[in-house]
Amino acid sequence: MKLFWPSKLIICSLYIAMIALPPASFAKPETDRFFTAELAAHSNTLTGFTRPRASIKLTSQLTDRLTEVKAEVGDRIGKDGIFARLDTTYARIDLEKIRINQTKLVSKISYLEKEVQRFQTLFQKQSAAEAKLDSLRQDLAQARLALRSVENEERALQEHLQRHTITAPPGWLVINRDAEPGEWVIAGNPLAEVGDFQTLLVPFAVSQDEYLWIKQRAKDLRLRLPERNLTVKAQLHTVSPGFDQQSRKLNLEIKITSDLPEKRGGIRAELTTELPDPAGALLVPVTAVSNRYDSHWLTRTNGQKVPVIVLGRGLPPDTLRVSAAAIKAGDKFLRSADSQPPVQE
């Protein structure tokens, strides 16, 4: 097939351009030939177990017979917040007695008010003695004070009646129950324990370095739940200002923010921290380490070989953790142990 002369011209131009380019233009980029040593990270997995955000013990303020318990272990407290009730028979009898006395006093006050008004009219006409009017006024004042006293007794008894109902925060779950209907309960003795499982916390005891690592990622933590095969989002919730003298650890709590299919205590949770290697190891590619007769070394960009001690595999898996007094983070080396350093002019 014959080519037209413009096509021949283009092919010749490309051929000349390829010949004119220096060989270095087809070499690998420098970023592929060299790498920079970085500090290796040390992974440490902390283990904790979920617990409710808060829990309280329910107690009775009165000593009486328990007539009703509305929630079993594991049940959720209803919207009314009622957990149990005590017998209110005698309290209601006393309340009825007080209300009867109130009715009597109201009737007496109404009568005395009319008598005082009548005798005041007679006194103005000089048809009644002033002493009688003063006596009626005194009786009326005493009746009104007696009514106020009885009304105050009613309020106190209403409060007493309310304390026959043992309440808990609505929506909380019953952790355990120590009382049954018909049982005689003593004031102050625990009847049950309830907890807020809507929010799950995981307590950890951490070192100072681990605490600083967690604090930097306080709003963006991840917890692994091995038994549930889940990884969930979490946040730093509370940090105790105290310090454990024996373990030398700080106590903190991490809150799970992801929704879980089941919210309960005792779920194992793992938090993995990535801290600088305590041995000061550096992270290098596996291909950069030469191995001869149980000796290992890296090659600098100028061809100098530096002996290193291999400490083990790093993360990611295609890296090694190495240590050497002659190198530090930021030094550059050949990426491949078999490659040659560039020619020094």
C-alpha atoms as a PDB file:
ATOM      1  CA  MET A   1       0.000   0.000   0.000  1.00  0.00           C
ATOM      2  CA  LYS A   2       1.431   3.337  -0.999  1.00  0.00           C
ATOM      3  CA  LEU A   3       1.401   6.247   1.434  1.00  0.00           C
ATOM      4  CA  PHE A   4       0.706   9.770   0.434  1.00  0.00           C
ATOM      5  CA  TRP A   5       3.557  12.133   1.046  1.00  0.00           C
ATOM      6  CA  PRO A   6       1.952  13.888   4.097  1.00  0.00           C
ATOM      7  CA  SER A   7       1.779  10.507   5.900  1.00  0.00           C
ATOM      8  CA  LYS A   8       5.438   9.797   5.104  1.00  0.00           C
ATOM      9  CA  LEU A   9       6.334  13.206   6.478  1.00  0.00           C
ATOM     10  CA  ILE A  10       4.566  12.549   9.829  1.00  0.00           C
ATOM     11  CA  ILE A  11       6.254   9.163  10.317  1.00  0.00           C
ATOM     12  CA  CYS A  12       9.679  10.607   9.608  1.00  0.00           C
ATOM     13  CA  SER A  13       9.076  13.450  12.093  1.00  0.00           C
ATOM     14  CA  LEU A  14       8.120  10.995  14.864  1.00  0.00           C
ATOM     15  CA  TYR A  15      11.195   8.850  14.172  1.00  0.00           C
ATOM     16  CA  ILE A  16      13.514  11.854  14.378  1.00  0.00           C
ATOM     17  CA  ALA A  17      11.876  12.981  17.644  1.00  0.00           C
ATOM     18  CA  MET A  18      12.370   9.541  19.245  1.00  0.00           C
ATOM     19  CA  ILE A  19      16.037   9.489  18.260  1.00  0.00           C
ATOM     20  CA  ALA A  20      16.551  12.996  19.630  1.00  0.00           C
ATOM     21  CA  LEU A  21      15.115  12.146  23.106  1.00  0.00           C
ATOM     22  CA  PRO A  22      17.752  11.193  25.710  1.00  0.00           C
ATOM     23  CA  PRO A  23      17.577   7.676  27.188  1.00  0.00           C
ATOM     24  CA  ALA A  24      16.771   9.056  30.675  1.00  0.00           C
ATOM     25  CA  SER A  25      13.320  10.092  29.460  1.00  0.00           C
ATOM     26  CA  PHE A  26      12.263   6.453  29.371  1.00  0.00           C
ATOM     27  CA  ALA A  27      13.584   5.654  32.848  1.00  0.00           C
ATOM     28  CA  LYS A  28      11.261   5.209  35.826  1.00  0.00           C
ATOM     29  CA  PRO A  29      10.309   8.401  37.695  1.00  0.00           C
ATOM     30  CA  GLU A  30      12.432   9.174  40.715  1.00  0.00           C
ATOM     31  CA  THR A  31       9.451   8.682  43.028  1.00  0.00           C
ATOM     32  CA  ASP A  32       9.317   5.032  41.893  1.00  0.00           C
ATOM     33  CA  ARG A  33      13.047   4.474  42.452  1.00  0.00           C
ATOM     34  CA  PHE A  34      13.333   5.995  45.924  1.00  0.00           C
ATOM     35  CA  PHE A  35      11.268   5.981  49.110  1.00  0.00           C
ATOM     36  CA  THR A  36      11.375   7.935  52.345  1.00  0.00           C
ATOM     37  CA  ALA A  37      11.665   6.007  55.622  1.00  0.00           C
ATOM     38  CA  GLU A  38       8.776   6.646  58.016  1.00  0.00           C
ATOM     39  CA  LEU A  39       8.245   5.905  61.682  1.00  0.00           C
ATOM     40  CA  ALA A  40       6.536   2.550  62.114  1.00  0.00           C
ATOM     41  CA  ALA A  41       3.256   2.399  63.978  1.00  0.00           C
ATOM     42  CA  HIS A  42       2.561  -0.008  66.812  1.00  0.00           C
ATOM     43  CA  SER A  43      -0.958  -1.444  66.952  1.00  0.00           C
ATOM     44  CA  ASN A  44      -2.452  -2.157  70.347  1.00  0.00           C
ATOM     45  CA  THR A  45      -5.952  -3.556  70.856  1.00  0.00           C
ATOM     46  CA  LEU A  46      -7.854  -2.497  73.983  1.00  0.00           C
ATOM     47  CA  THR A  47     -10.794  -4.604  75.123  1.00  0.00           C
ATOM     48  CA  GLY A  48     -13.866  -3.465  77.028  1.00  0.00           C
ATOM     49  CA  PHE A  49     -17.498  -4.510  77.500  1.00  0.00           C
ATOM     50  CA  THR A  50     -20.641  -2.515  76.891  1.00  0.00           C
ATOM     51  CA  ARG A  51     -22.725  -1.213  79.766  1.00  0.00           C
ATOM     52  CA  PRO A  52     -25.734   1.132  80.040  1.00  0.00           C
ATOM     53  CA  ARG A  53     -25.158   4.872  80.084  1.00  0.00           C
ATOM     54  CA  ALA A  54     -26.589   4.982  83.604  1.00  0.00           C
ATOM     55  CA  SER A  55     -28.278   2.683  86.103  1.00  0.00           C
ATOM     56  CA  ILE A  56     -30.163   3.290  89.340  1.00  0.00           C
ATOM     57  CA  LYS A  57     -31.531   1.156  92.151  1.00  0.00           C
ATOM     58  CA  LEU A  58     -35.236   1.519  92.923  1.00  0.00           C
ATOM     59  CA  THR A  59     -36.138   1.652  96.608  1.00  0.00           C
ATOM     60  CA  SER A  60     -39.319   2.242  98.571  1.00  0.00           C
ATOM     61  CA  GLN A  61     -39.566   5.304 100.811  1.00  0.00           C
ATOM     62  CA  LEU A  62     -42.199   3.539 102.903  1.00  0.00           C
ATOM     63  CA  THR A  63     -42.560   0.251 104.742  1.00  0.00           C
ATOM     64  CA  ASP A  64     -45.654  -1.501 103.471  1.00  0.00           C
ATOM     65  CA  ARG A  65     -47.003  -4.450 101.479  1.00  0.00           C
ATOM     66  CA  LEU A  66     -46.254  -4.602  97.759  1.00  0.00           C
ATOM     67  CA  THR A  67     -49.489  -5.026  95.793  1.00  0.00           C
ATOM     68  CA  GLU A  68     -48.292  -4.765  92.161  1.00  0.00           C
ATOM     69  CA  VAL A  69     -45.102  -5.038  90.106  1.00  0.00           C
ATOM     70  CA  LYS A  70     -45.526  -3.977  86.466  1.00  0.00           C
ATOM     71  CA  ALA A  71     -42.192  -5.020  84.909  1.00  0.00           C
ATOM     72  CA  GLU A  72     -40.167  -8.204  84.774  1.00  0.00           C
ATOM     73  CA  VAL A  73     -36.404  -8.478  84.250  1.00  0.00           C
ATOM     74  CA  GLY A  74     -35.624  -7.280  80.722  1.00  0.00           C
ATOM     75  CA  ASP A  75     -38.904  -5.350  80.374  1.00  0.00           C
ATOM     76  CA  ARG A  76     -39.006  -1.707  79.420  1.00  0.00           C
ATOM     77  CA  ILE A  77     -40.509   0.803  81.855  1.00  0.00           C
ATOM     78  CA  GLY A  78     -43.741   2.196  80.388  1.00  0.00           C
ATOM     79  CA  LYS A  79     -44.492   5.796  79.473  1.00  0.00           C
ATOM     80  CA  ASP A  80     -46.158   6.363  82.865  1.00  0.00           C
ATOM     81  CA  GLY A  81     -42.889   5.420  84.573  1.00  0.00           C
ATOM     82  CA  ILE A  82     -44.629   3.145  87.108  1.00  0.00           C
ATOM     83  CA  PHE A  83     -42.662   0.118  88.270  1.00  0.00           C
ATOM     84  CA  ALA A  84     -44.604  -0.996  91.365  1.00  0.00           C
ATOM     85  CA  ARG A  85     -47.297   0.027  93.871  1.00  0.00           C
ATOM     86  CA  LEU A  86     -47.665  -0.381  97.626  1.00  0.00           C
ATOM     87  CA  ASP A  87     -50.888  -0.959  99.544  1.00  0.00           C
ATOM     88  CA  THR A  88     -52.724   2.360  99.968  1.00  0.00           C
ATOM     89  CA  THR A  89     -55.737   1.149 101.997  1.00  0.00           C
ATOM     90  CA  TYR A  90     -54.955   2.937 105.267  1.00  0.00           C
ATOM     91  CA  ALA A  91     -53.668   6.051 103.528  1.00  0.00           C
ATOM     92  CA  ARG A  92     -56.953   6.398 101.618  1.00  0.00           C
ATOM     93  CA  ILE A  93     -58.971   5.917 104.802  1.00  0.00           C
ATOM     94  CA  ASP A  94     -56.981   8.739 106.433  1.00  0.00           C
ATOM     95  CA  LEU A  95     -57.531  10.894 103.367  1.00  0.00           C
ATOM     96  CA  GLU A  96     -61.286  10.342 103.517  1.00  0.00           C
ATOM     97  CA  LYS A  97     -61.284  11.264 107.226  1.00  0.00           C
ATOM     98  CA  ILE A  98     -59.463  14.522 106.457  1.00  0.00           C
ATOM     99  CA  ARG A  99     -61.926  15.419 103.711  1.00  0.00           C
ATOM    100  CA  ILE A 100     -64.842  14.854 106.103  1.00  0.00           C
ATOM    101  CA  ASN A 101     -63.242  17.226 108.598  1.00  0.00           C
ATOM    102  CA  GLN A 102     -62.798  19.740 105.814  1.00  0.00           C
ATOM    103  CA  THR A 103     -66.516  19.560 104.988  1.00  0.00           C
ATOM    104  CA  LYS A 104     -67.393  20.098 108.667  1.00  0.00           C
ATOM    105  CA  LEU A 105     -65.137  23.131 108.936  1.00  0.00           C
ATOM    106  CA  VAL A 106     -66.433  24.672 105.716  1.00  0.00           C
ATOM    107  CA  SER A 107     -69.991  24.327 107.066  1.00  0.00           C
ATOM    108  CA  LYS A 108     -69.003  25.810 110.424  1.00  0.00           C
ATOM    109  CA  ILE A 109     -67.237  28.753 108.784  1.00  0.00           C
ATOM    110  CA  SER A 110     -70.308  29.468 106.641  1.00  0.00           C
ATOM    111  CA  TYR A 111     -72.499  29.489 109.792  1.00  0.00           C
ATOM    112  CA  LEU A 112     -70.118  31.690 111.792  1.00  0.00           C
ATOM    113  CA  GLU A 113     -69.810  34.188 108.917  1.00  0.00           C
ATOM    114  CA  LYS A 114     -73.624  34.637 108.965  1.00  0.00           C
ATOM    115  CA  GLU A 115     -73.656  34.941 112.766  1.00  0.00           C
ATOM    116  CA  VAL A 116     -70.923  37.549 112.769  1.00  0.00           C
ATOM    117  CA  GLN A 117     -72.791  39.549 110.114  1.00  0.00           C
ATOM    118  CA  ARG A 118     -76.062  39.319 112.071  1.00  0.00           C
ATOM    119  CA  PHE A 119     -74.549  40.324 115.414  1.00  0.00           C
ATOM    120  CA  GLN A 120     -72.635  43.142 113.750  1.00  0.00           C
ATOM    121  CA  THR A 121     -75.977  44.564 112.548  1.00  0.00           C
ATOM    122  CA  LEU A 122     -77.503  44.148 116.014  1.00  0.00           C
ATOM    123  CA  PHE A 123     -74.488  45.767 117.647  1.00  0.00           C
ATOM    124  CA  GLN A 124     -74.797  48.780 115.357  1.00  0.00           C
ATOM    125  CA  LYS A 125     -78.459  49.097 116.543  1.00  0.00           C
ATOM    126  CA  GLN A 126     -77.245  48.691 120.129  1.00  0.00           C
ATOM    127  CA  SER A 127     -79.286  45.502 120.417  1.00  0.00           C
ATOM    128  CA  ALA A 128     -76.346  43.135 121.144  1.00  0.00           C
ATOM    129  CA  ALA A 129     -73.310  43.179 123.399  1.00  0.00           C
ATOM    130  CA  GLU A 130     -69.877  43.846 121.906  1.00  0.00           C
ATOM    131  CA  ALA A 131     -68.431  40.897 123.823  1.00  0.00           C
ATOM    132  CA  LYS A 132     -70.710  38.466 121.993  1.00  0.00           C
ATOM    133  CA  LEU A 133     -69.644  39.908 118.626  1.00  0.00           C
ATOM    134  CA  ASP A 134     -65.959  39.615 119.568  1.00  0.00           C
ATOM    135  CA  SER A 135     -66.482  35.979 120.641  1.00  0.00           C
ATOM    136  CA  LEU A 136     -68.112  35.093 117.319  1.00  0.00           C
ATOM    137  CA  ARG A 137     -65.285  36.791 115.402  1.00  0.00           C
ATOM    138  CA  GLN A 138     -62.750  34.781 117.391  1.00  0.00           C
ATOM    139  CA  ASP A 139     -64.609  31.520 116.671  1.00  0.00           C
ATOM    140  CA  LEU A 140     -64.669  32.355 112.957  1.00  0.00           C
ATOM    141  CA  ALA A 141     -60.924  33.059 112.884  1.00  0.00           C
ATOM    142  CA  GLN A 142     -60.166  29.783 114.693  1.00  0.00           C
ATOM    143  CA  ALA A 143     -62.381  27.826 112.274  1.00  0.00           C
ATOM    144  CA  ARG A 144     -60.586  29.302 109.273  1.00  0.00           C
ATOM    145  CA  LEU A 145     -57.187  28.421 110.785  1.00  0.00           C
ATOM    146  CA  ALA A 146     -58.418  24.887 111.470  1.00  0.00           C
ATOM    147  CA  LEU A 147     -59.500  24.577 107.831  1.00  0.00           C
ATOM    148  CA  ARG A 148     -56.062  25.691 106.631  1.00  0.00           C
ATOM    149  CA  SER A 149     -54.466  23.111 108.923  1.00  0.00           C
ATOM    150  CA  VAL A 150     -56.668  20.316 107.586  1.00  0.00           C
ATOM    151  CA  GLU A 151     -55.961  21.373 103.987  1.00  0.00           C
ATOM    152  CA  ASN A 152     -52.261  21.173 104.753  1.00  0.00           C
ATOM    153  CA  GLU A 153     -52.779  17.662 106.167  1.00  0.00           C
ATOM    154  CA  GLU A 154     -54.517  16.692 102.932  1.00  0.00           C
ATOM    155  CA  ARG A 155     -51.558  17.892 100.846  1.00  0.00           C
ATOM    156  CA  ALA A 156     -49.169  15.931 103.068  1.00  0.00           C
ATOM    157  CA  LEU A 157     -51.311  12.817 102.739  1.00  0.00           C
ATOM    158  CA  GLN A 158     -51.503  13.235  98.955  1.00  0.00           C
ATOM    159  CA  GLU A 159     -47.696  13.314  98.872  1.00  0.00           C
ATOM    160  CA  HIS A 160     -47.663  10.238 101.117  1.00  0.00           C
ATOM    161  CA  LEU A 161     -49.992   8.469  98.682  1.00  0.00           C
ATOM    162  CA  GLN A 162     -47.737   9.311  95.743  1.00  0.00           C
ATOM    163  CA  ARG A 163     -44.853   7.629  97.527  1.00  0.00           C
ATOM    164  CA  HIS A 164     -46.834   4.400  97.479  1.00  0.00           C
ATOM    165  CA  THR A 165     -46.081   4.377  93.727  1.00  0.00           C
ATOM    166  CA  ILE A 166     -42.477   3.452  92.884  1.00  0.00           C
ATOM    167  CA  THR A 167     -41.398   5.016  89.605  1.00  0.00           C
ATOM    168  CA  ALA A 168     -38.452   4.759  87.201  1.00  0.00           C
ATOM    169  CA  PRO A 169     -37.375   6.710  84.088  1.00  0.00           C
ATOM    170  CA  PRO A 170     -39.637   5.767  81.150  1.00  0.00           C
ATOM    171  CA  GLY A 171     -37.931   3.604  78.522  1.00  0.00           C
ATOM    172  CA  TRP A 172     -35.260   2.201  80.852  1.00  0.00           C
ATOM    173  CA  LEU A 173     -34.852  -1.582  81.113  1.00  0.00           C
ATOM    174  CA  VAL A 174     -35.132  -3.677  84.272  1.00  0.00           C
ATOM    175  CA  ILE A 175     -31.737  -5.242  84.997  1.00  0.00           C
ATOM    176  CA  ASN A 176     -32.793  -7.220  88.060  1.00  0.00           C
ATOM    177  CA  ARG A 177     -35.792  -7.426  90.410  1.00  0.00           C
ATOM    178  CA  ASP A 178     -35.710  -8.316  94.098  1.00  0.00           C
ATOM    179  CA  ALA A 179     -39.383  -8.057  95.112  1.00  0.00           C
ATOM    180  CA  GLU A 180     -42.640  -9.847  94.344  1.00  0.00           C
ATOM    181  CA  PRO A 181     -46.312  -8.805  94.771  1.00  0.00           C
ATOM    182  CA  GLY A 182     -47.593  -9.526  98.276  1.00  0.00           C
ATOM    183  CA  GLU A 183     -44.139  -9.140  99.811  1.00  0.00           C
ATOM    184  CA  TRP A 184     -43.601  -6.815 102.782  1.00  0.00           C
ATOM    185  CA  VAL A 185     -40.950  -4.296 101.820  1.00  0.00           C
ATOM    186  CA  ILE A 186     -38.786  -2.196 104.117  1.00  0.00           C
ATOM    187  CA  ALA A 187     -38.109   1.459 103.438  1.00  0.00           C
ATOM    188  CA  GLY A 188     -34.681   1.951 101.860  1.00  0.00           C
ATOM    189  CA  ASN A 189     -34.195  -1.650 100.728  1.00  0.00           C
ATOM    190  CA  PRO A 190     -33.573  -2.029  96.956  1.00  0.00           C
ATOM    191  CA  LEU A 191     -36.470  -3.476  94.968  1.00  0.00           C
ATOM    192  CA  ALA A 192     -34.925  -3.491  91.496  1.00  0.00           C
ATOM    193  CA  GLU A 193     -32.223  -2.009  89.285  1.00  0.00           C
ATOM    194  CA  VAL A 194     -32.966  -0.291  85.976  1.00  0.00           C
ATOM    195  CA  GLY A 195     -30.598   1.023  83.300  1.00  0.00           C
ATOM    196  CA  ASP A 196     -30.572   3.301  80.272  1.00  0.00           C
ATOM    197  CA  PHE A 197     -29.583   0.986  77.420  1.00  0.00           C
ATOM    198  CA  GLN A 198     -30.539   3.477  74.705  1.00  0.00           C
ATOM    199  CA  THR A 199     -26.921   4.646  74.900  1.00  0.00           C
ATOM    200  CA  LEU A 200     -24.166   2.071  75.364  1.00  0.00           C
ATOM    201  CA  LEU A 201     -20.808   2.974  76.871  1.00  0.00           C
ATOM    202  CA  VAL A 202     -17.559   1.002  76.858  1.00  0.00           C
ATOM    203  CA  PRO A 203     -15.083   1.753  79.675  1.00  0.00           C
ATOM    204  CA  PHE A 204     -11.342   1.497  79.006  1.00  0.00           C
ATOM    205  CA  ALA A 205      -8.189   1.963  81.082  1.00  0.00           C
ATOM    206  CA  VAL A 206      -5.556   3.596  78.865  1.00  0.00           C
ATOM    207  CA  SER A 207      -2.027   4.919  79.023  1.00  0.00           C
ATOM    208  CA  GLN A 208      -1.216   8.593  78.516  1.00  0.00           C
ATOM    209  CA  ASP A 209      -0.133   7.995  74.890  1.00  0.00           C
ATOM    210  CA  GLU A 210      -3.286   6.029  74.144  1.00  0.00           C
ATOM    211  CA  TYR A 211      -5.411   8.763  75.726  1.00  0.00           C
ATOM    212  CA  LEU A 212      -3.827  11.444  73.522  1.00  0.00           C
ATOM    213  CA  TRP A 213      -4.376   9.261  70.432  1.00  0.00           C
ATOM    214  CA  ILE A 214      -8.048   8.799  71.353  1.00  0.00           C
ATOM    215  CA  LYS A 215      -8.495  12.484  72.182  1.00  0.00           C
ATOM    216  CA  GLN A 216      -7.265  13.510  68.712  1.00  0.00           C
ATOM    217  CA  ARG A 217      -9.991  11.301  67.193  1.00  0.00           C
ATOM    218  CA  ALA A 218     -12.641  11.937  69.850  1.00  0.00           C
ATOM    219  CA  LYS A 219     -15.495  12.360  67.348  1.00  0.00           C
ATOM    220  CA  ASP A 220     -14.398   9.697  64.866  1.00  0.00           C
ATOM    221  CA  LEU A 221     -13.558   6.431  66.613  1.00  0.00           C
ATOM    222  CA  ARG A 222     -14.258   2.865  65.522  1.00  0.00           C
ATOM    223  CA  LEU A 223     -14.993  -0.096  67.774  1.00  0.00           C
ATOM    224  CA  ARG A 224     -14.903  -3.709  66.669  1.00  0.00           C
ATOM    225  CA  LEU A 225     -17.547  -6.066  68.110  1.00  0.00           C
ATOM    226  CA  PRO A 226     -16.039  -9.519  67.412  1.00  0.00           C
ATOM    227  CA  GLU A 227     -19.033 -11.640  68.481  1.00  0.00           C
ATOM    228  CA  ARG A 228     -21.387  -9.512  66.373  1.00  0.00           C
ATOM    229  CA  ASN A 229     -18.951  -9.292  63.440  1.00  0.00           C
ATOM    230  CA  LEU A 230     -19.563  -5.535  63.373  1.00  0.00           C
ATOM    231  CA  THR A 231     -17.506  -2.367  63.298  1.00  0.00           C
ATOM    232  CA  VAL A 232     -19.408   0.564  64.797  1.00  0.00           C
ATOM    233  CA  LYS A 233     -18.882   4.309  65.076  1.00  0.00           C
ATOM    234  CA  ALA A 234     -18.072   5.724  68.486  1.00  0.00           C
ATOM    235  CA  GLN A 235     -17.115   8.932  70.302  1.00  0.00           C
ATOM    236  CA  LEU A 236     -15.196   9.818  73.431  1.00  0.00           C
ATOM    237  CA  HIS A 237     -17.818  10.286  76.154  1.00  0.00           C
ATOM    238  CA  THR A 238     -16.149  10.946  79.519  1.00  0.00           C
ATOM    239  CA  VAL A 239     -12.607  11.054  80.878  1.00  0.00           C
ATOM    240  CA  SER A 240     -11.949  10.665  84.577  1.00  0.00           C
ATOM    241  CA  PRO A 241      -9.611  13.341  85.952  1.00  0.00           C
ATOM    242  CA  GLY A 242      -8.257  10.761  88.395  1.00  0.00           C
ATOM    243  CA  PHE A 243      -5.273   8.467  87.987  1.00  0.00           C
ATOM    244  CA  ASP A 244      -4.901   4.828  89.034  1.00  0.00           C
ATOM    245  CA  GLN A 245      -1.709   4.655  91.071  1.00  0.00           C
ATOM    246  CA  GLN A 246      -1.314   0.887  90.647  1.00  0.00           C
ATOM    247  CA  SER A 247      -1.974   0.438  86.926  1.00  0.00           C
ATOM    248  CA  ARG A 248      -0.891   3.995  86.008  1.00  0.00           C
ATOM    249  CA  LYS A 249      -3.816   4.169  83.635  1.00  0.00           C
ATOM    250  CA  LEU A 250      -6.504   6.751  82.922  1.00  0.00           C
ATOM    251  CA  ASN A 251     -10.156   5.692  82.985  1.00  0.00           C
ATOM    252  CA  LEU A 252     -12.406   6.845  80.154  1.00  0.00           C
ATOM    253  CA  GLU A 253     -15.671   5.867  78.503  1.00  0.00           C
ATOM    254  CA  ILE A 254     -16.428   5.637  74.788  1.00  0.00           C
ATOM    255  CA  LYS A 255     -19.998   5.981  73.530  1.00  0.00           C
ATOM    256  CA  ILE A 256     -21.290   3.842  70.662  1.00  0.00           C
ATOM    257  CA  THR A 257     -23.104   6.115  68.208  1.00  0.00           C
ATOM    258  CA  SER A 258     -24.136   3.506  65.624  1.00  0.00           C
ATOM    259  CA  ASP A 259     -27.505   1.809  65.957  1.00  0.00           C
ATOM    260  CA  LEU A 260     -27.276  -1.835  67.035  1.00  0.00           C
ATOM    261  CA  PRO A 261     -29.810  -4.618  66.461  1.00  0.00           C
ATOM    262  CA  GLU A 262     -29.591  -5.445  70.173  1.00  0.00           C
ATOM    263  CA  LYS A 263     -28.552  -3.058  72.928  1.00  0.00           C
ATOM    264  CA  ARG A 264     -27.375  -4.835  76.041  1.00  0.00           C
ATOM    265  CA  GLY A 265     -24.459  -4.978  78.434  1.00  0.00           C
ATOM    266  CA  GLY A 266     -21.534  -7.350  78.185  1.00  0.00           C
ATOM    267  CA  ILE A 267     -20.866  -7.069  74.439  1.00  0.00           C
ATOM    268  CA  ARG A 268     -17.109  -7.287  73.884  1.00  0.00           C
ATOM    269  CA  ALA A 269     -15.716  -4.239  72.100  1.00  0.00           C
ATOM    270  CA  GLU A 270     -12.180  -3.738  70.789  1.00  0.00           C
ATOM    271  CA  LEU A 271     -10.447  -0.428  70.155  1.00  0.00           C
ATOM    272  CA  THR A 272      -7.218  -0.556  68.138  1.00  0.00           C
ATOM    273  CA  THR A 273      -4.776   2.306  68.603  1.00  0.00           C
ATOM    274  CA  GLU A 274      -1.909   3.124  66.243  1.00  0.00           C
ATOM    275  CA  LEU A 275       0.999   4.609  68.190  1.00  0.00           C
ATOM    276  CA  PRO A 276       4.648   5.188  67.236  1.00  0.00           C
ATOM    277  CA  ASP A 277       6.677   2.025  67.659  1.00  0.00           C
ATOM    278  CA  PRO A 278       8.160   2.023  71.191  1.00  0.00           C
ATOM    279  CA  ALA A 279      11.446   0.683  69.782  1.00  0.00           C
ATOM    280  CA  GLY A 280      11.708   3.630  67.365  1.00  0.00           C
ATOM    281  CA  ALA A 281      11.421   1.310  64.351  1.00  0.00           C
ATOM    282  CA  LEU A 282      11.133   2.617  60.799  1.00  0.00           C
ATOM    283  CA  LEU A 283       8.785   1.366  58.111  1.00  0.00           C
ATOM    284  CA  VAL A 284      10.404   0.393  54.780  1.00  0.00           C
ATOM    285  CA  PRO A 285       9.303  -1.649  51.726  1.00  0.00           C
ATOM    286  CA  VAL A 286      10.210  -5.339  51.730  1.00  0.00           C
ATOM    287  CA  THR A 287      11.909  -4.904  48.340  1.00  0.00           C
ATOM    288  CA  ALA A 288      14.319  -2.294  49.747  1.00  0.00           C
ATOM    289  CA  VAL A 289      16.017  -4.657  52.214  1.00  0.00           C
ATOM    290  CA  SER A 290      18.988  -6.696  51.008  1.00  0.00           C
ATOM    291  CA  ASN A 291      19.727  -9.990  52.708  1.00  0.00           C
ATOM    292  CA  ARG A 292      23.110 -11.716  52.592  1.00  0.00           C
ATOM    293  CA  TYR A 293      24.345 -14.249  55.144  1.00  0.00           C
ATOM    294  CA  ASP A 294      21.774 -13.245  57.771  1.00  0.00           C
ATOM    295  CA  SER A 295      22.738  -9.586  57.389  1.00  0.00           C
ATOM    296  CA  HIS A 296      20.314  -6.931  56.202  1.00  0.00           C
ATOM    297  CA  TRP A 297      20.900  -3.449  54.845  1.00  0.00           C
ATOM    298  CA  LEU A 298      19.330  -0.559  52.976  1.00  0.00           C
ATOM    299  CA  THR A 299      20.950   1.334  50.139  1.00  0.00           C
ATOM    300  CA  ARG A 300      21.001   5.114  50.186  1.00  0.00           C
ATOM    301  CA  THR A 301      20.462   7.134  47.022  1.00  0.00           C
ATOM    302  CA  ASN A 302      24.238   7.589  46.699  1.00  0.00           C
ATOM    303  CA  GLY A 303      24.868   3.828  46.869  1.00  0.00           C
ATOM    304  CA  GLN A 304      25.954   3.702  50.512  1.00  0.00           C
ATOM    305  CA  LYS A 305      24.768   0.537  52.265  1.00  0.00           C
ATOM    306  CA  VAL A 306      23.449   0.904  55.826  1.00  0.00           C
ATOM    307  CA  PRO A 307      23.115  -2.218  58.053  1.00  0.00           C
ATOM    308  CA  VAL A 308      19.704  -2.612  59.694  1.00  0.00           C
ATOM    309  CA  ILE A 309      18.002  -4.987  62.105  1.00  0.00           C
ATOM    310  CA  VAL A 310      14.711  -6.405  60.857  1.00  0.00           C
ATOM    311  CA  LEU A 311      12.139  -6.411  63.678  1.00  0.00           C
ATOM    312  CA  GLY A 312       9.268  -7.979  61.766  1.00  0.00           C
ATOM    313  CA  ARG A 313       6.455  -7.333  59.361  1.00  0.00           C
ATOM    314  CA  GLY A 314       4.807  -3.946  59.275  1.00  0.00           C
ATOM    315  CA  LEU A 315       1.481  -2.529  58.165  1.00  0.00           C
ATOM    316  CA  PRO A 316       0.726  -2.681  55.268  1.00  0.00           C
ATOM    317  CA  PRO A 317       1.976  -6.297  54.848  1.00  0.00           C
ATOM    318  CA  ASP A 318       4.430  -5.431  52.049  1.00  0.00           C
ATOM    319  CA  THR A 319       6.581  -3.462  54.532  1.00  0.00           C
ATOM    320  CA  LEU A 320       9.104  -4.313  57.228  1.00  0.00           C
ATOM    321  CA  ARG A 321       9.868  -2.734  60.592  1.00  0.00           C
ATOM    322  CA  VAL A 322      13.612  -2.088  60.810  1.00  0.00           C
ATOM    323  CA  SER A 323      15.927  -0.411  63.274  1.00  0.00           C
ATOM    324  CA  ALA A 324      19.386   1.171  62.861  1.00  0.00           C
ATOM    325  CA  ALA A 325      21.238   3.904  64.704  1.00  0.00           C
ATOM    326  CA  ALA A 326      22.535   5.385  61.435  1.00  0.00           C
ATOM    327  CA  ILE A 327      19.135   6.123  59.904  1.00  0.00           C
ATOM    328  CA  LYS A 328      16.166   8.232  60.903  1.00  0.00           C
ATOM    329  CA  ALA A 329      12.712   9.083  59.628  1.00  0.00           C
ATOM    330  CA  GLY A 330      12.918  11.175  56.468  1.00  0.00           C
ATOM    331  CA  ASP A 331      16.057   9.513  55.028  1.00  0.00           C
ATOM    332  CA  LYS A 332      15.790   8.383  51.391  1.00  0.00           C
ATOM    333  CA  PHE A 333      16.775   4.952  50.079  1.00  0.00           C
ATOM    334  CA  LEU A 334      16.498   2.871  46.934  1.00  0.00           C
ATOM    335  CA  ARG A 335      13.088   1.208  46.710  1.00  0.00           C
ATOM    336  CA  SER A 336      14.558  -1.964  45.157  1.00  0.00           C
ATOM    337  CA  ALA A 337      17.640  -3.663  46.610  1.00  0.00           C
ATOM    338  CA  ASP A 338      18.579  -4.865  43.118  1.00  0.00           C
ATOM    339  CA  SER A 339      18.427  -1.444  41.486  1.00  0.00           C
ATOM    340  CA  GLN A 340      21.500   0.707  40.961  1.00  0.00           C
ATOM    341  CA  PRO A 341      21.943   4.220  42.372  1.00  0.00           C
ATOM    342  CA  PRO A 342      22.058   7.068  39.886  1.00  0.00           C
ATOM    343  CA  VAL A 343      25.472   7.938  38.446  1.00  0.00           C
ATOM    344  CA  GLN A 344      27.037  10.808  40.368  1.00  0.00           C
ATOM    345  CA  GLU A 345      28.437  13.456  37.998  1.00  0.00           C
END
